[in-house]
C-alpha atoms as a PDB file:
ATOM      1  CA  MET A   1     117.421  50.811  47.523  1.00  0.00           C
ATOM      2  CA  ARG A   2     115.781  51.406  44.190  1.00  0.00           C
ATOM      3  CA  THR A   3     114.083  48.008  44.284  1.00  0.00           C
ATOM      4  CA  GLY A   4     112.577  48.771  47.701  1.00  0.00           C
ATOM      5  CA  VAL A   5     111.017  52.030  46.474  1.00  0.00           C
ATOM      6  CA  THR A   6     109.652  50.275  43.398  1.00  0.00           C
ATOM      7  CA  ARG A   7     108.092  47.582  45.566  1.00  0.00           C
ATOM      8  CA  TRP A   8     106.460  50.165  47.843  1.00  0.00           C
ATOM      9  CA  LEU A   9     105.055  52.111  44.892  1.00  0.00           C
ATOM     10  CA  THR A  10     103.816  48.948  43.213  1.00  0.00           C
ATOM     11  CA  GLY A  11     102.221  47.784  46.458  1.00  0.00           C
ATOM     12  CA  ALA A  12     100.543  51.157  47.038  1.00  0.00           C
ATOM     13  CA  ALA A  13      99.217  51.231  43.473  1.00  0.00           C
ATOM     14  CA  GLY A  14      97.908  47.686  43.919  1.00  0.00           C
ATOM     15  CA  LEU A  15      96.092  48.629  47.132  1.00  0.00           C
ATOM     16  CA  VAL A  16      94.522  51.679  45.496  1.00  0.00           C
ATOM     17  CA  LEU A  17      93.362  49.636  42.497  1.00  0.00           C
ATOM     18  CA  ALA A  18      92.048  46.866  44.766  1.00  0.00           C
ATOM     19  CA  GLY A  19      90.110  49.468  46.761  1.00  0.00           C
ATOM     20  CA  VAL A  20      88.631  50.997  43.614  1.00  0.00           C
ATOM     21  CA  GLY A  21      87.709  47.543  42.341  1.00  0.00           C
ATOM     22  CA  ALA A  22      86.057  46.606  45.632  1.00  0.00           C
ATOM     23  CA  CYS A  23      84.082  49.856  45.648  1.00  0.00           C
ATOM     24  CA  ARG A  24      82.892  49.237  42.093  1.00  0.00           C
ATOM     25  CA  LEU A  25      82.016  45.638  42.891  1.00  0.00           C
ATOM     26  CA  LEU A  26      80.032  46.643  45.998  1.00  0.00           C
ATOM     27  CA  GLY A  27      78.363  49.581  44.254  1.00  0.00           C
ATOM     28  CA  VAL A  28      79.876  52.308  46.447  1.00  0.00           C
ATOM     29  CA  ASP A  29      79.270  55.593  44.640  1.00  0.00           C
ATOM     30  CA  ASP A  30      80.551  57.993  47.294  1.00  0.00           C
ATOM     31  CA  LEU A  31      84.090  56.774  47.988  1.00  0.00           C
ATOM     32  CA  ALA A  32      85.052  60.059  49.674  1.00  0.00           C
ATOM     33  CA  GLY A  33      82.089  59.740  52.053  1.00  0.00           C
ATOM     34  CA  VAL A  34      83.073  56.185  52.957  1.00  0.00           C
ATOM     35  CA  LEU A  35      86.669  57.260  53.620  1.00  0.00           C
ATOM     36  CA  ILE A  36      85.471  60.163  55.792  1.00  0.00           C
ATOM     37  CA  TRP A  37      83.192  57.808  57.736  1.00  0.00           C
ATOM     38  CA  LEU A  38      86.022  55.307  58.267  1.00  0.00           C
ATOM     39  CA  GLY A  39      88.393  58.096  59.322  1.00  0.00           C
ATOM     40  CA  GLY A  40      85.760  59.400  61.718  1.00  0.00           C
ATOM     41  CA  ALA A  41      85.412  55.937  63.240  1.00  0.00           C
ATOM     42  CA  VAL A  42      89.163  55.753  63.845  1.00  0.00           C
ATOM     43  CA  VAL A  43      89.195  59.232  65.403  1.00  0.00           C
ATOM     44  CA  LEU A  44      86.145  58.406  67.543  1.00  0.00           C
ATOM     45  CA  HIS A  45      87.856  55.289  68.839  1.00  0.00           C
ATOM     46  CA  ASP A  46      91.307  56.797  69.402  1.00  0.00           C
ATOM     47  CA  VAL A  47      90.187  60.149  70.805  1.00  0.00           C
ATOM     48  CA  LEU A  48      87.090  59.213  72.785  1.00  0.00           C
ATOM     49  CA  ILE A  49      86.512  55.509  73.397  1.00  0.00           C
ATOM     50  CA  ALA A  50      90.036  54.250  74.203  1.00  0.00           C
ATOM     51  CA  PRO A  51      90.952  57.103  76.595  1.00  0.00           C
ATOM     52  CA  MET A  52      87.600  56.796  78.401  1.00  0.00           C
ATOM     53  CA  VAL A  53      88.074  53.043  78.819  1.00  0.00           C
ATOM     54  CA  LEU A  54      91.575  53.524  80.199  1.00  0.00           C
ATOM     55  CA  LEU A  55      90.475  56.333  82.519  1.00  0.00           C
ATOM     56  CA  ILE A  56      87.441  54.500  83.873  1.00  0.00           C
ATOM     57  CA  GLY A  57      89.411  51.277  84.162  1.00  0.00           C
ATOM     58  CA  SER A  58      92.231  52.891  86.106  1.00  0.00           C
ATOM     59  CA  VAL A  59      90.249  55.298  88.308  1.00  0.00           C
ATOM     60  CA  LEU A  60      87.038  53.461  89.177  1.00  0.00           C
ATOM     61  CA  VAL A  61      87.996  49.788  88.981  1.00  0.00           C
ATOM     62  CA  ARG A  62      90.556  48.098  91.228  1.00  0.00           C
ATOM     63  CA  GLY A  63      92.061  44.656  91.490  1.00  0.00           C
ATOM     64  CA  GLY A  64      91.529  41.656  89.279  1.00  0.00           C
ATOM     65  CA  VAL A  65      88.311  42.911  87.747  1.00  0.00           C
ATOM     66  CA  ARG A  66      90.047  45.693  85.831  1.00  0.00           C
ATOM     67  CA  GLY A  67      90.758  43.628  82.688  1.00  0.00           C
ATOM     68  CA  PRO A  68      87.256  42.255  82.109  1.00  0.00           C
ATOM     69  CA  VAL A  69      85.653  45.615  82.902  1.00  0.00           C
ATOM     70  CA  ARG A  70      87.966  47.392  80.461  1.00  0.00           C
ATOM     71  CA  GLY A  71      87.153  44.765  77.846  1.00  0.00           C
ATOM     72  CA  ALA A  72      83.429  45.215  78.386  1.00  0.00           C
ATOM     73  CA  LEU A  73      83.760  48.994  78.166  1.00  0.00           C
ATOM     74  CA  LEU A  74      85.758  48.691  74.963  1.00  0.00           C
ATOM     75  CA  VAL A  75      83.205  46.348  73.371  1.00  0.00           C
ATOM     76  CA  GLY A  76      80.339  48.585  74.507  1.00  0.00           C
ATOM     77  CA  GLY A  77      82.044  51.651  73.094  1.00  0.00           C
ATOM     78  CA  ALA A  78      82.705  49.940  69.768  1.00  0.00           C
ATOM     79  CA  LEU A  79      79.085  48.748  69.582  1.00  0.00           C
ATOM     80  CA  THR A  80      77.917  52.272  70.285  1.00  0.00           C
ATOM     81  CA  ALA A  81      80.214  53.712  67.623  1.00  0.00           C
ATOM     82  CA  VAL A  82      78.839  51.273  65.062  1.00  0.00           C
ATOM     83  CA  ALA A  83      75.237  51.971  66.105  1.00  0.00           C
ATOM     84  CA  LEU A  84      75.554  55.767  66.223  1.00  0.00           C
ATOM     85  CA  PRO A  85      74.328  56.449  62.666  1.00  0.00           C
ATOM     86  CA  VAL A  86      71.132  54.515  63.321  1.00  0.00           C
ATOM     87  CA  LEU A  87      70.706  55.806  66.877  1.00  0.00           C
ATOM     88  CA  LEU A  88      71.069  59.441  65.834  1.00  0.00           C
ATOM     89  CA  ARG A  89      68.727  59.157  62.848  1.00  0.00           C
ATOM     90  CA  PRO A  90      65.484  60.866  63.868  1.00  0.00           C
ATOM     91  CA  GLY A  91      62.093  59.312  63.229  1.00  0.00           C
ATOM     92  CA  LYS A  92      61.117  56.485  60.950  1.00  0.00           C
ATOM     93  CA  PRO A  93      62.596  56.157  57.465  1.00  0.00           C
ATOM     94  CA  ALA A  94      60.416  56.822  54.428  1.00  0.00           C
ATOM     95  CA  ASN A  95      61.011  53.246  53.279  1.00  0.00           C
ATOM     96  CA  PRO A  96      60.309  50.828  56.160  1.00  0.00           C
ATOM     97  CA  SER A  97      62.503  48.128  54.608  1.00  0.00           C
ATOM     98  CA  VAL A  98      65.613  50.316  54.996  1.00  0.00           C
ATOM     99  CA  LEU A  99      65.741  49.906  58.798  1.00  0.00           C
ATOM    100  CA  PRO A 100      63.275  47.083  59.500  1.00  0.00           C
ATOM    101  CA  LEU A 101      64.400  46.311  63.068  1.00  0.00           C
ATOM    102  CA  ASP A 102      64.224  48.176  66.361  1.00  0.00           C
ATOM    103  CA  TYR A 103      67.908  49.129  66.423  1.00  0.00           C
ATOM    104  CA  PRO A 104      67.944  51.172  69.655  1.00  0.00           C
ATOM    105  CA  ARG A 105      66.334  48.277  71.539  1.00  0.00           C
ATOM    106  CA  ASN A 106      68.718  45.750  69.975  1.00  0.00           C
ATOM    107  CA  TRP A 107      71.693  47.976  70.841  1.00  0.00           C
ATOM    108  CA  LEU A 108      70.572  48.071  74.481  1.00  0.00           C
ATOM    109  CA  VAL A 109      70.008  44.294  74.521  1.00  0.00           C
ATOM    110  CA  THR A 110      73.530  43.790  73.164  1.00  0.00           C
ATOM    111  CA  LEU A 111      75.015  46.095  75.819  1.00  0.00           C
ATOM    112  CA  VAL A 112      73.148  44.173  78.522  1.00  0.00           C
ATOM    113  CA  ALA A 113      74.493  40.900  77.071  1.00  0.00           C
ATOM    114  CA  VAL A 114      78.047  42.286  77.236  1.00  0.00           C
ATOM    115  CA  ALA A 115      77.479  43.287  80.876  1.00  0.00           C
ATOM    116  CA  VAL A 116      76.048  39.862  81.752  1.00  0.00           C
ATOM    117  CA  VAL A 117      78.934  38.005  80.092  1.00  0.00           C
ATOM    118  CA  THR A 118      81.408  40.242  81.931  1.00  0.00           C
ATOM    119  CA  ALA A 119      79.685  39.540  85.234  1.00  0.00           C
ATOM    120  CA  LEU A 120      79.762  35.793  84.521  1.00  0.00           C
ATOM    121  CA  VAL A 121      83.481  35.953  83.731  1.00  0.00           C
ATOM    122  CA  LEU A 122      84.111  37.736  87.032  1.00  0.00           C
ATOM    123  CA  VAL A 123      82.013  35.202  88.969  1.00  0.00           C
ATOM    124  CA  VAL A 124      83.815  32.248  87.346  1.00  0.00           C
ATOM    125  CA  ARG A 125      87.182  33.831  88.162  1.00  0.00           C
ATOM    126  CA  ARG A 126      86.169  34.374  91.787  1.00  0.00           C
ATOM    127  CA  ILE A 127      84.923  30.792  92.120  1.00  0.00           C
ATOM    128  CA  GLY A 128      88.163  29.501  90.594  1.00  0.00           C
ATOM    129  CA  ARG A 129      90.249  31.535  93.062  1.00  0.00           C
ATOM    130  CA  SER A 130      88.221  30.377  96.046  1.00  0.00           C
ATOM    131  CA  ARG A 131      88.544  26.714  95.013  1.00  0.00           C
ATOM    132  CA  ARG A 132      92.326  27.005  94.695  1.00  0.00           C
ATOM    133  CA  ARG A 133      92.553  28.134  98.308  1.00  0.00           C
END
């Protein structure tokens, strides 16, 4: 029993030191801010995105299309969660090299690509079912 506790404590200390080392290596000055942001991302996913995907997938979508539609909704929600800091930032930055691309447009293009791939998956599935008959 004592060896198991020692291993857990040693492993936890190793993870903490590895995290501190990675933050120093990457130049992260605000470790608390990064941890809050990561915690917020987990809460956003578990409280908002996942329940909405399950609800929409079970209420609005029927039959064999439920899986791909849920997958597309999950990917779209995750993309939106990642893009939120840039999407909610008002105006142009003082330094144009900080955000050099049109992120809202690229976010929409990516969502459209997810929708198109989902539609193609559904079409290929339908063609495969009709050929089997």
